[in-house]
Amino acid sequence: MTTPEADRTPEHSEGAAGAAPRPEERLERAVMAAEKALIDYEIAVETFRVEIENFSRLHEQRLGPLYARLEELDALIAEARAARTGDPEDLRLAQEARARLAPIPGVEDLLHGWMDGQGLFPESVAMLTDRSVQPPPRVRPGEEARRLYRELVRKAHPDLAQDEGERARRDEFISRVNAAYARGDEGALLALQEEWAAGPVQKRRATPADELYARLEWLAARKELLSELAGKLEESAIASMLRLAPDDPDALLDDIAQRLTGEIAEREAELVALRQA
């Protein structure tokens, strides 16, 4: 008498285990892993950027006035020395020190006589360009424009192209899609949708595997861009300061402020001595 186990053939056992895995399943797992890793990396880079930005702001708030006072004292000392000696070199150094304190002219100062509260005078516009230089009104695309935009980007994304010619075509098309969306122009987006639908017949339709490969390539390119950004952040002066006291950056600012305060006291004493001489 045979048992149920003895009746099972290898083929029967394989069928019981389920259908064979799809060819793109490994790619799907790779994409999911890459996406998770990229998200974690983006969070880390963004956290570091925010940390640097916050420390930079705190650095400016606490130390900016001290640095400004030192620069003012340097200019006053140079001017006092030049007034005392009359030496041409001392006069030149005093002028340079004072010039470093001069505020950067604002746009209104630079365009004085060229514009009024409504913008450039018509005569000024005529001298510069035949077209209006007034900025376009701010546009908030409507729901239909957003829907068309999402649909067009999903269909025409350059990362789905398999050759350089098709990628270039998609890049040019998407640039026009972006411009129409920025204007909130639903009519233009509809026209672009029709243009894409009537576009050249593709040599072959992108397969799920093609799209997964394109997604992996995009993830790799995004990781490279983030790595470049992280490198620039690491090389910044603020990041160098943070590395000196990663656990207590406030204490580092206190130490620097104390040193600057001492330098200010020395400069003030030097200025008094020059003026009394």
Protein backbone atom coordinates (compact mmCIF):
# COMPACT_ATOMS: atom_id res chain seq x y z
CA MET A 1 0.00 0.00 0.00
CA THR A 2 1.38 3.31 -1.01
CA THR A 3 1.24 6.44 1.10
CA PRO A 4 0.21 9.90 -0.13
CA GLU A 5 3.86 10.98 0.24
CA ALA A 6 4.98 8.16 -2.08
CA ASP A 7 2.43 9.20 -4.71
CA ARG A 8 3.90 12.76 -4.96
CA THR A 9 6.12 13.28 -7.97
CA PRO A 10 8.79 16.02 -8.12
CA GLU A 11 6.63 17.91 -10.62
CA HIS A 12 3.64 17.69 -8.30
CA SER A 13 5.69 18.99 -5.37
CA GLU A 14 7.01 21.95 -7.40
CA GLY A 15 3.51 22.86 -8.49
CA ALA A 16 2.30 22.75 -4.90
CA ALA A 17 5.00 25.18 -3.90
CA GLY A 18 3.47 27.82 -6.16
CA ALA A 19 4.10 29.40 -9.55
CA ALA A 20 7.63 30.12 -10.73
CA PRO A 21 8.86 33.59 -9.80
CA ARG A 22 8.50 36.31 -12.42
CA PRO A 23 11.79 37.31 -14.12
CA GLU A 24 11.57 40.89 -12.85
CA GLU A 25 11.02 39.98 -9.19
CA ARG A 26 14.72 40.28 -8.39
CA LEU A 27 14.77 43.69 -10.06
CA GLU A 28 11.74 44.78 -8.06
CA ARG A 29 13.46 43.78 -4.83
CA ALA A 30 16.61 45.63 -5.90
CA VAL A 31 14.59 48.76 -6.68
CA MET A 32 12.77 48.59 -3.35
CA ALA A 33 16.06 48.19 -1.48
CA ALA A 34 17.64 51.07 -3.44
CA GLU A 35 14.64 53.31 -2.78
CA LYS A 36 14.77 52.61 0.95
CA ALA A 37 18.51 53.26 1.06
CA LEU A 38 18.09 56.49 -0.89
CA ILE A 39 15.34 57.71 1.43
CA ASP A 40 17.54 57.03 4.46
CA TYR A 41 20.44 58.81 2.79
CA GLU A 42 18.28 61.80 1.83
CA ILE A 43 17.08 62.09 5.42
CA ALA A 44 20.66 62.00 6.69
CA VAL A 45 21.85 64.62 4.21
CA GLU A 46 18.87 66.88 4.86
CA THR A 47 19.35 66.55 8.62
CA PHE A 48 23.00 67.53 8.23
CA ARG A 49 22.06 70.47 6.00
CA VAL A 50 19.52 71.73 8.53
CA GLU A 51 22.05 71.32 11.34
CA ILE A 52 24.60 73.38 9.42
CA GLU A 53 21.99 76.01 8.51
CA ASN A 54 20.83 76.36 12.11
CA PHE A 55 24.38 76.56 13.43
CA SER A 56 25.25 79.12 10.74
CA ARG A 57 22.30 81.26 11.79
CA LEU A 58 23.23 80.97 15.45
CA HIS A 59 26.86 81.78 14.59
CA GLU A 60 25.76 84.94 12.78
CA GLN A 61 23.41 86.02 15.57
CA ARG A 62 25.90 85.57 18.40
CA LEU A 63 29.22 86.38 16.74
CA GLY A 64 28.21 88.68 13.88
CA PRO A 65 28.03 91.82 16.06
CA LEU A 66 31.43 91.01 17.60
CA TYR A 67 33.07 90.60 14.18
CA ALA A 68 31.41 93.84 13.02
CA ARG A 69 32.75 95.69 16.06
CA LEU A 70 36.26 94.38 15.38
CA GLU A 71 36.11 95.59 11.76
CA GLU A 72 34.87 99.00 12.89
CA LEU A 73 37.69 99.28 15.42
CA ASP A 74 40.25 98.27 12.77
CA ALA A 75 38.99 101.10 10.55
CA LEU A 76 39.04 103.62 13.41
CA ILE A 77 42.57 102.58 14.39
CA ALA A 78 43.78 102.87 10.80
CA GLU A 79 42.19 106.33 10.48
CA ALA A 80 43.67 107.48 13.78
CA ARG A 81 47.11 106.25 12.73
CA ALA A 82 46.84 107.96 9.33
CA ALA A 83 45.72 111.24 10.95
CA ARG A 84 48.69 111.06 13.28
CA THR A 85 51.39 110.22 10.73
CA GLY A 86 50.05 111.69 7.50
CA ASP A 87 51.90 108.91 5.68
CA PRO A 88 50.40 108.14 2.21
CA GLU A 89 50.53 104.39 2.89
CA ASP A 90 48.71 104.82 6.20
CA LEU A 91 46.10 106.98 4.43
CA ARG A 92 45.62 104.27 1.78
CA LEU A 93 45.21 101.56 4.42
CA ALA A 94 42.69 103.70 6.30
CA GLN A 95 40.64 104.24 3.15
CA GLU A 96 40.65 100.51 2.41
CA ALA A 97 39.60 99.66 5.97
CA ARG A 98 36.72 102.14 5.79
CA ALA A 99 35.67 100.92 2.35
CA ARG A 100 35.32 97.38 3.68
CA LEU A 101 32.63 98.67 6.03
CA ALA A 102 30.63 100.45 3.31
CA PRO A 103 27.26 98.75 2.78
CA ILE A 104 26.59 97.05 -0.54
CA PRO A 105 24.26 99.29 -2.57
CA GLY A 106 20.74 98.04 -2.90
CA VAL A 107 18.87 97.57 -6.14
CA GLU A 108 17.14 100.94 -5.68
CA ASP A 109 20.53 102.68 -5.36
CA LEU A 110 21.91 100.97 -8.46
CA LEU A 111 18.83 101.86 -10.53
CA HIS A 112 18.41 105.40 -9.18
CA GLY A 113 16.88 107.54 -11.92
CA TRP A 114 15.87 104.45 -13.89
CA MET A 115 12.78 103.36 -11.99
CA ASP A 116 9.93 104.48 -9.80
CA GLY A 117 7.64 102.62 -7.41
CA GLN A 118 5.93 100.87 -10.33
CA GLY A 119 9.13 99.58 -11.94
CA LEU A 120 11.38 100.88 -14.69
CA PHE A 121 10.40 104.10 -16.42
CA PRO A 122 9.06 103.56 -19.97
CA GLU A 123 12.11 105.39 -21.33
CA SER A 124 14.38 103.01 -19.44
CA VAL A 125 12.50 100.01 -20.79
CA ALA A 126 12.87 101.37 -24.31
CA MET A 127 16.63 101.64 -23.81
CA LEU A 128 16.94 98.08 -22.56
CA THR A 129 14.38 96.01 -24.44
CA ASP A 130 11.31 96.24 -26.61
CA ARG A 131 9.45 93.86 -24.32
CA SER A 132 7.98 94.46 -20.89
CA VAL A 133 10.30 93.65 -18.01
CA GLN A 134 7.51 93.36 -15.47
CA PRO A 135 7.50 89.92 -13.80
CA PRO A 136 4.65 87.62 -14.77
CA PRO A 137 1.79 87.27 -12.26
CA ARG A 138 2.05 84.45 -9.79
CA VAL A 139 0.07 81.44 -10.95
CA ARG A 140 -1.43 78.60 -8.91
CA PRO A 141 -2.24 75.72 -11.32
CA GLY A 142 -5.72 74.29 -10.94
CA GLU A 143 -6.66 70.69 -10.24
CA GLU A 144 -7.09 69.84 -13.93
CA ALA A 145 -3.69 71.31 -14.75
CA ARG A 146 -2.12 69.27 -11.96
CA ARG A 147 -3.81 66.11 -13.26
CA LEU A 148 -2.62 66.71 -16.82
CA TYR A 149 0.87 67.51 -15.60
CA ARG A 150 1.17 64.33 -13.54
CA GLU A 151 -0.10 62.24 -16.44
CA LEU A 152 2.28 63.79 -18.96
CA VAL A 153 5.31 63.46 -16.72
CA ARG A 154 4.48 59.84 -15.99
CA LYS A 155 4.19 59.03 -19.70
CA ALA A 156 7.02 61.14 -21.08
CA HIS A 157 9.64 60.96 -18.34
CA PRO A 158 13.13 60.88 -19.94
CA ASP A 159 14.26 58.11 -17.61
CA LEU A 160 11.94 55.73 -19.47
CA ALA A 161 13.85 56.23 -22.74
CA GLN A 162 16.10 53.45 -24.00
CA ASP A 163 18.30 55.48 -26.37
CA GLU A 164 19.83 58.95 -26.43
CA GLY A 165 17.66 60.23 -29.28
CA GLU A 166 14.45 59.34 -27.49
CA ARG A 167 15.78 60.74 -24.21
CA ALA A 168 16.57 64.06 -25.93
CA ARG A 169 13.06 64.17 -27.43
CA ARG A 170 11.50 63.57 -24.05
CA ASP A 171 13.73 66.18 -22.38
CA GLU A 172 12.58 68.81 -24.88
CA PHE A 173 8.95 67.78 -24.50
CA ILE A 174 9.05 67.80 -20.69
CA SER A 175 10.62 71.28 -20.71
CA ARG A 176 7.53 72.53 -22.58
CA VAL A 177 5.26 70.64 -20.19
CA ASN A 178 7.00 72.32 -17.22
CA ALA A 179 6.64 75.76 -18.82
CA ALA A 180 2.93 75.25 -19.48
CA TYR A 181 2.35 74.00 -15.94
CA ALA A 182 4.23 76.98 -14.49
CA ARG A 183 1.75 79.24 -16.34
CA GLY A 184 -1.21 77.12 -15.21
CA ASP A 185 -2.16 76.84 -18.88
CA GLU A 186 -4.63 73.93 -19.11
CA GLY A 187 -5.15 74.52 -22.84
CA ALA A 188 -1.44 74.17 -23.53
CA LEU A 189 -1.26 71.03 -21.40
CA LEU A 190 -4.18 69.51 -23.30
CA ALA A 191 -2.44 70.33 -26.59
CA LEU A 192 0.73 68.71 -25.32
CA GLN A 193 -1.24 65.65 -24.28
CA GLU A 194 -2.60 65.35 -27.83
CA GLU A 195 0.87 65.93 -29.25
CA TRP A 196 2.30 63.12 -27.15
CA ALA A 197 -0.52 60.75 -28.10
CA ALA A 198 0.09 61.48 -31.78
CA GLY A 199 3.88 61.24 -31.43
CA PRO A 200 6.17 58.86 -33.31
CA VAL A 201 5.50 55.17 -32.91
CA GLN A 202 7.95 53.67 -30.48
CA LYS A 203 10.19 50.93 -31.80
CA ARG A 204 9.21 48.81 -28.84
CA ARG A 205 7.11 49.31 -25.78
CA ALA A 206 8.94 49.61 -22.52
CA THR A 207 8.63 46.41 -20.51
CA PRO A 208 8.33 46.30 -16.72
CA ALA A 209 11.98 45.28 -16.64
CA ASP A 210 12.92 48.32 -18.75
CA GLU A 211 11.11 50.61 -16.34
CA LEU A 212 12.77 48.97 -13.36
CA TYR A 213 16.21 49.40 -14.93
CA ALA A 214 15.40 53.05 -15.65
CA ARG A 215 14.30 53.50 -12.03
CA LEU A 216 17.55 51.98 -10.77
CA GLU A 217 19.55 54.32 -13.00
CA TRP A 218 17.61 57.32 -11.68
CA LEU A 219 18.16 56.22 -8.08
CA ALA A 220 21.89 55.87 -8.73
CA ALA A 221 22.04 59.34 -10.32
CA ARG A 222 20.10 60.82 -7.39
CA LYS A 223 22.48 59.17 -4.93
CA GLU A 224 25.42 60.70 -6.79
CA LEU A 225 23.89 64.18 -6.61
CA LEU A 226 23.25 63.77 -2.89
CA SER A 227 26.83 62.62 -2.38
CA GLU A 228 28.08 65.79 -4.10
CA LEU A 229 25.85 67.92 -1.88
CA ALA A 230 27.02 66.09 1.24
CA GLY A 231 30.64 66.63 0.16
CA LYS A 232 30.10 70.37 -0.23
CA LEU A 233 28.43 70.54 3.17
CA GLU A 234 31.34 68.65 4.74
CA GLU A 235 33.83 71.08 3.21
CA SER A 236 32.06 74.21 4.47
CA ALA A 237 33.56 76.36 7.22
CA ILE A 238 30.52 75.84 9.44
CA ALA A 239 30.87 72.05 9.16
CA SER A 240 34.53 72.36 10.15
CA MET A 241 33.48 74.28 13.23
CA LEU A 242 30.86 71.68 14.09
CA ARG A 243 33.47 68.94 13.90
CA LEU A 244 35.48 70.74 16.59
CA ALA A 245 32.64 70.32 19.10
CA PRO A 246 29.99 67.96 17.72
CA ASP A 247 28.46 67.27 21.13
CA ASP A 248 28.33 70.86 22.38
CA PRO A 249 28.49 73.46 19.59
CA ASP A 250 27.05 76.14 21.91
CA ALA A 251 30.13 75.86 24.09
CA LEU A 252 32.29 76.39 21.02
CA LEU A 253 30.42 79.61 20.23
CA ASP A 254 30.89 80.74 23.84
CA ASP A 255 34.65 80.16 23.56
CA ILE A 256 34.87 82.09 20.29
CA ALA A 257 32.75 84.92 21.69
CA GLN A 258 35.03 85.16 24.73
CA ARG A 259 38.11 85.36 22.49
CA LEU A 260 36.53 88.02 20.28
CA THR A 261 35.51 90.05 23.32
CA GLY A 262 39.13 90.04 24.46
CA GLU A 263 40.31 91.19 21.03
CA ILE A 264 37.73 93.99 21.09
CA ALA A 265 39.03 95.18 24.46
CA GLU A 266 42.60 95.21 23.08
CA ARG A 267 41.56 97.18 19.98
CA GLU A 268 39.64 99.70 22.07
CA ALA A 269 42.66 100.26 24.28
CA GLU A 270 44.87 100.70 21.21
CA LEU A 271 42.45 103.26 19.76
CA VAL A 272 42.38 105.26 23.00
CA ALA A 273 46.18 105.28 23.09
CA LEU A 274 46.43 106.52 19.48
CA ARG A 275 43.93 109.33 20.06
CA GLN A 276 45.62 110.49 23.25
CA ALA A 277 49.14 110.46 21.78
